[in-house]
N, C-alpha and C. Protein backbone atom coordinates (compact mmCIF):
# COMPACT_ATOMS: atom_id res chain seq x y z
N UNK A 1 135.53 40.73 -31.07
CA UNK A 1 134.82 40.90 -32.56
C UNK A 1 133.21 40.62 -32.19
N UNK A 2 132.52 41.92 -32.82
CA UNK A 2 131.06 41.95 -32.51
C UNK A 2 130.26 40.81 -33.38
N UNK A 3 129.44 40.00 -32.83
CA UNK A 3 128.43 39.29 -33.56
C UNK A 3 127.47 39.71 -34.28
N UNK A 4 127.57 39.19 -35.08
CA UNK A 4 126.39 39.31 -35.67
C UNK A 4 124.95 38.25 -35.77
N UNK A 5 123.85 38.83 -35.48
CA UNK A 5 122.92 38.35 -34.31
C UNK A 5 121.81 38.44 -35.31
N UNK A 6 121.70 38.83 -36.87
CA UNK A 6 120.55 39.00 -37.24
C UNK A 6 120.91 39.61 -39.09
N UNK A 7 120.42 39.39 -39.66
CA UNK A 7 120.66 40.10 -41.13
C UNK A 7 118.92 39.61 -41.75
N UNK A 8 118.63 40.69 -42.27
CA UNK A 8 117.74 41.38 -42.76
C UNK A 8 118.29 41.85 -44.25
N UNK A 9 117.21 41.04 -45.05
CA UNK A 9 117.36 41.34 -46.87
C UNK A 9 115.91 41.76 -47.59
N UNK A 10 115.95 42.86 -47.84
CA UNK A 10 115.28 43.73 -49.05
C UNK A 10 115.50 44.03 -50.24
N UNK A 11 114.91 42.87 -50.37
CA UNK A 11 115.29 42.40 -52.39
C UNK A 11 114.35 43.60 -53.41
N UNK A 12 114.97 43.85 -54.24
CA UNK A 12 114.83 45.14 -54.86
C UNK A 12 114.34 44.73 -56.34
N UNK A 13 113.39 45.33 -56.49
CA UNK A 13 112.68 44.39 -58.05
C UNK A 13 113.17 45.66 -58.88
N UNK A 14 113.72 45.21 -60.16
CA UNK A 14 114.28 46.59 -61.29
C UNK A 14 115.39 45.20 -62.07
N UNK A 15 115.87 45.88 -63.00
CA UNK A 15 117.08 45.14 -63.41
C UNK A 15 118.35 46.66 -63.39
N UNK A 16 118.32 46.81 -62.26
CA UNK A 16 119.56 47.73 -62.03
C UNK A 16 120.34 46.69 -61.10
N UNK A 17 121.95 48.06 -60.83
CA UNK A 17 122.77 47.30 -60.08
C UNK A 17 122.37 46.88 -58.54
N UNK A 18 121.60 47.37 -58.56
CA UNK A 18 121.16 46.83 -56.71
C UNK A 18 120.47 45.80 -56.70
N UNK A 19 121.14 44.80 -56.29
CA UNK A 19 119.72 44.28 -55.74
C UNK A 19 119.11 43.82 -54.70
N UNK A 20 119.70 44.75 -53.63
CA UNK A 20 119.19 44.42 -52.13
C UNK A 20 119.85 45.42 -51.55
N UNK A 21 118.57 45.67 -50.38
CA UNK A 21 119.26 46.21 -49.10
C UNK A 21 119.35 44.98 -47.86
N UNK A 22 120.30 46.00 -47.25
CA UNK A 22 120.35 44.96 -46.02
C UNK A 22 120.50 45.66 -44.78
N UNK A 23 120.07 44.87 -43.87
CA UNK A 23 120.73 45.46 -42.53
C UNK A 23 120.87 44.58 -41.34
N UNK A 24 122.02 44.81 -40.65
CA UNK A 24 122.83 43.89 -39.87
C UNK A 24 122.75 44.43 -38.21
N UNK A 25 122.23 43.06 -37.67
CA UNK A 25 122.47 43.72 -36.46
C UNK A 25 123.63 43.00 -35.75
N UNK A 26 124.23 43.83 -34.17
CA UNK A 26 125.40 43.38 -34.43
C UNK A 26 125.09 43.42 -32.71
N UNK A 27 125.35 42.34 -32.19
CA UNK A 27 125.68 42.12 -30.70
C UNK A 27 124.20 41.83 -29.87
N UNK A 28 123.22 42.33 -30.87
CA UNK A 28 121.68 42.67 -30.22
C UNK A 28 121.35 43.75 -29.54
N UNK A 29 122.84 45.06 -30.21
CA UNK A 29 122.61 45.92 -29.53
C UNK A 29 122.80 47.35 -30.72
N UNK A 30 123.08 47.10 -31.48
CA UNK A 30 123.36 47.95 -32.60
C UNK A 30 122.93 47.33 -34.14
N UNK A 31 122.40 48.16 -34.88
CA UNK A 31 122.10 47.72 -35.92
C UNK A 31 122.49 48.67 -37.20
N UNK A 32 122.90 48.12 -38.02
CA UNK A 32 123.75 49.04 -39.56
C UNK A 32 122.37 48.71 -40.43
N UNK A 33 122.10 49.91 -41.13
CA UNK A 33 121.02 49.63 -42.19
C UNK A 33 122.05 50.71 -43.33
N UNK A 34 121.30 50.49 -44.70
CA UNK A 34 121.55 50.65 -45.79
C UNK A 34 122.93 50.06 -46.66
N UNK A 35 123.25 48.70 -46.19
CA UNK A 35 123.80 47.86 -46.72
C UNK A 35 123.53 47.52 -48.18
N UNK A 36 124.20 47.38 -48.87
CA UNK A 36 123.38 47.34 -50.90
C UNK A 36 124.13 46.21 -51.15
N UNK A 37 123.32 45.31 -51.65
CA UNK A 37 123.80 44.08 -52.55
C UNK A 37 123.63 44.40 -53.96
N UNK A 38 124.91 44.55 -54.43
CA UNK A 38 125.08 44.93 -55.54
C UNK A 38 125.82 43.97 -56.67
N UNK A 39 125.46 44.12 -57.87
CA UNK A 39 125.70 43.08 -58.80
C UNK A 39 126.28 43.94 -59.90
N UNK A 40 127.52 43.23 -60.01
CA UNK A 40 129.27 43.72 -61.58
C UNK A 40 129.14 42.73 -62.16
N UNK A 41 130.07 43.18 -62.82
CA UNK A 41 130.89 42.19 -63.79
C UNK A 41 131.41 40.98 -63.09
N UNK A 42 131.73 41.23 -62.20
CA UNK A 42 132.44 39.91 -61.49
C UNK A 42 131.61 39.31 -60.49
N UNK A 43 129.97 39.71 -60.73
CA UNK A 43 129.18 38.85 -59.88
C UNK A 43 128.48 39.74 -58.44
N UNK A 44 128.38 39.03 -57.67
CA UNK A 44 127.59 40.00 -56.46
C UNK A 44 128.72 40.05 -55.36
N UNK A 45 128.74 41.59 -54.57
CA UNK A 45 129.60 42.16 -53.46
C UNK A 45 128.77 42.57 -52.50
N UNK A 46 128.95 43.78 -51.80
CA UNK A 46 128.24 44.10 -50.47
C UNK A 46 129.20 45.59 -50.44
N UNK A 47 128.07 46.87 -50.69
CA UNK A 47 128.88 48.09 -50.40
C UNK A 47 128.18 48.72 -49.09
N UNK A 48 128.99 49.14 -48.34
CA UNK A 48 128.87 49.76 -47.28
C UNK A 48 127.72 50.83 -47.43
N UNK A 49 127.27 51.36 -45.74
CA UNK A 49 126.25 52.55 -46.27
C UNK A 49 127.24 53.75 -46.05
N UNK A 50 127.25 54.44 -47.31
CA UNK A 50 127.59 55.45 -47.15
C UNK A 50 126.90 56.81 -47.56
N UNK A 51 127.63 58.31 -47.11
CA UNK A 51 126.78 59.00 -47.93
C UNK A 51 128.10 60.22 -49.11
N UNK A 52 127.37 61.08 -49.83
CA UNK A 52 127.75 61.95 -50.20
C UNK A 52 128.21 63.45 -50.29
N UNK A 53 129.69 63.29 -49.51
CA UNK A 53 130.42 63.97 -49.47
C UNK A 53 129.88 65.94 -49.82
N UNK A 54 130.66 66.85 -49.44
CA UNK A 54 130.30 68.04 -50.75
C UNK A 54 131.43 68.06 -51.70
N UNK A 55 132.22 67.57 -51.24
CA UNK A 55 133.06 67.22 -52.75
C UNK A 55 132.71 66.44 -54.30
N UNK A 56 131.34 65.75 -53.53
CA UNK A 56 131.05 64.64 -54.38
C UNK A 56 131.30 63.36 -54.74
N UNK A 57 131.96 62.89 -53.93
CA UNK A 57 132.85 61.53 -53.70
C UNK A 57 132.13 60.93 -52.47
N UNK A 58 132.26 59.79 -52.39
CA UNK A 58 131.25 59.06 -51.27
C UNK A 58 132.12 58.75 -49.80
N UNK A 59 131.56 58.36 -48.97
CA UNK A 59 132.32 58.11 -47.54
C UNK A 59 131.55 57.32 -46.67
N UNK A 60 132.55 56.26 -46.15
CA UNK A 60 131.36 55.12 -45.40
C UNK A 60 131.25 55.78 -44.51
N UNK A 61 129.61 55.30 -44.32
CA UNK A 61 128.87 56.07 -43.11
C UNK A 61 129.48 54.92 -41.67
N UNK A 62 129.99 54.05 -42.29
CA UNK A 62 129.81 52.16 -41.29
C UNK A 62 131.04 51.55 -42.44
N UNK A 63 132.04 51.41 -41.49
CA UNK A 63 133.10 50.16 -42.64
C UNK A 63 133.41 49.60 -40.89
N UNK A 64 133.92 48.11 -41.42
CA UNK A 64 134.48 47.30 -40.24
C UNK A 64 135.95 47.93 -40.35
N UNK A 65 136.75 47.80 -39.13
CA UNK A 65 138.23 47.66 -39.13
C UNK A 65 139.02 46.94 -39.56
N UNK A 66 138.42 46.03 -39.70
CA UNK A 66 140.11 44.89 -40.54
C UNK A 66 139.25 43.98 -41.27
N UNK A 67 140.16 43.34 -42.27
CA UNK A 67 139.90 41.83 -43.50
C UNK A 67 138.83 41.13 -42.76
N UNK A 68 139.09 40.76 -41.65
CA UNK A 68 138.40 39.43 -41.13
C UNK A 68 136.74 39.76 -41.15
N UNK A 69 136.73 42.01 -40.44
CA UNK A 69 135.28 41.63 -40.01
C UNK A 69 134.82 42.06 -40.64
N UNK A 70 135.38 42.50 -42.02
CA UNK A 70 134.61 43.13 -43.57
C UNK A 70 134.50 41.87 -44.06
N UNK A 71 134.96 40.76 -43.90
CA UNK A 71 134.51 39.35 -44.82
C UNK A 71 133.20 38.83 -43.93
N UNK A 72 133.54 39.16 -42.65
CA UNK A 72 132.18 37.92 -41.59
C UNK A 72 130.70 38.96 -42.15
N UNK A 73 131.00 40.46 -42.16
CA UNK A 73 129.76 40.98 -42.24
C UNK A 73 128.87 40.65 -43.98
N UNK A 74 130.55 40.26 -45.01
CA UNK A 74 130.07 40.55 -46.29
C UNK A 74 129.31 39.10 -46.51
N UNK A 75 130.33 37.71 -45.76
CA UNK A 75 129.29 36.52 -45.84
C UNK A 75 127.90 36.54 -45.60
N UNK A 76 127.68 36.55 -44.40
CA UNK A 76 126.40 36.88 -43.87
C UNK A 76 125.25 37.57 -44.73
N UNK A 77 125.76 38.76 -45.51
CA UNK A 77 124.80 39.87 -46.56
C UNK A 77 124.33 38.84 -47.21
N UNK A 78 125.71 38.36 -48.12
CA UNK A 78 125.62 37.36 -49.42
C UNK A 78 124.63 36.34 -49.27
N UNK A 79 125.06 35.72 -48.36
CA UNK A 79 124.43 34.19 -47.68
C UNK A 79 123.06 34.85 -47.22
N UNK A 80 122.64 35.36 -46.56
CA UNK A 80 121.49 35.77 -46.23
C UNK A 80 120.27 35.76 -47.82
N UNK A 81 121.04 37.06 -48.34
CA UNK A 81 120.47 37.28 -50.07
C UNK A 81 120.24 35.96 -50.61
N UNK A 82 121.23 35.17 -51.06
CA UNK A 82 121.16 34.09 -51.22
C UNK A 82 119.86 33.29 -51.01
N UNK A 83 119.89 32.69 -49.28
CA UNK A 83 118.50 32.15 -48.59
C UNK A 83 117.38 32.97 -48.83
N UNK A 84 117.44 34.46 -49.54
CA UNK A 84 115.82 34.86 -48.73
C UNK A 84 114.99 34.14 -50.28
N UNK A 85 113.82 34.65 -50.02
CA UNK A 85 113.14 33.55 -51.10
C UNK A 85 112.89 35.37 -52.42
N UNK A 86 112.74 34.68 -53.31
CA UNK A 86 112.50 35.81 -54.50
C UNK A 86 111.58 36.65 -54.63
């Protein structure tokens, strides 16, 4: 499994559901941009980058293929969000 070598958080001002955007570097070789930190009824959660298809539905452009990999990315992004200055 790729190692997360850097997480950058770009906080959003305002009162919408999107609280921040994040980019995640994997093995110092790949960068995934467009990850969103969202706030919903149950608290903060992470949305993988996606695009709107011709049918109007959103599809992930990038997504982990295992539960463990997803948890690793989500935890890294949420921890970086909580540690970043307001």
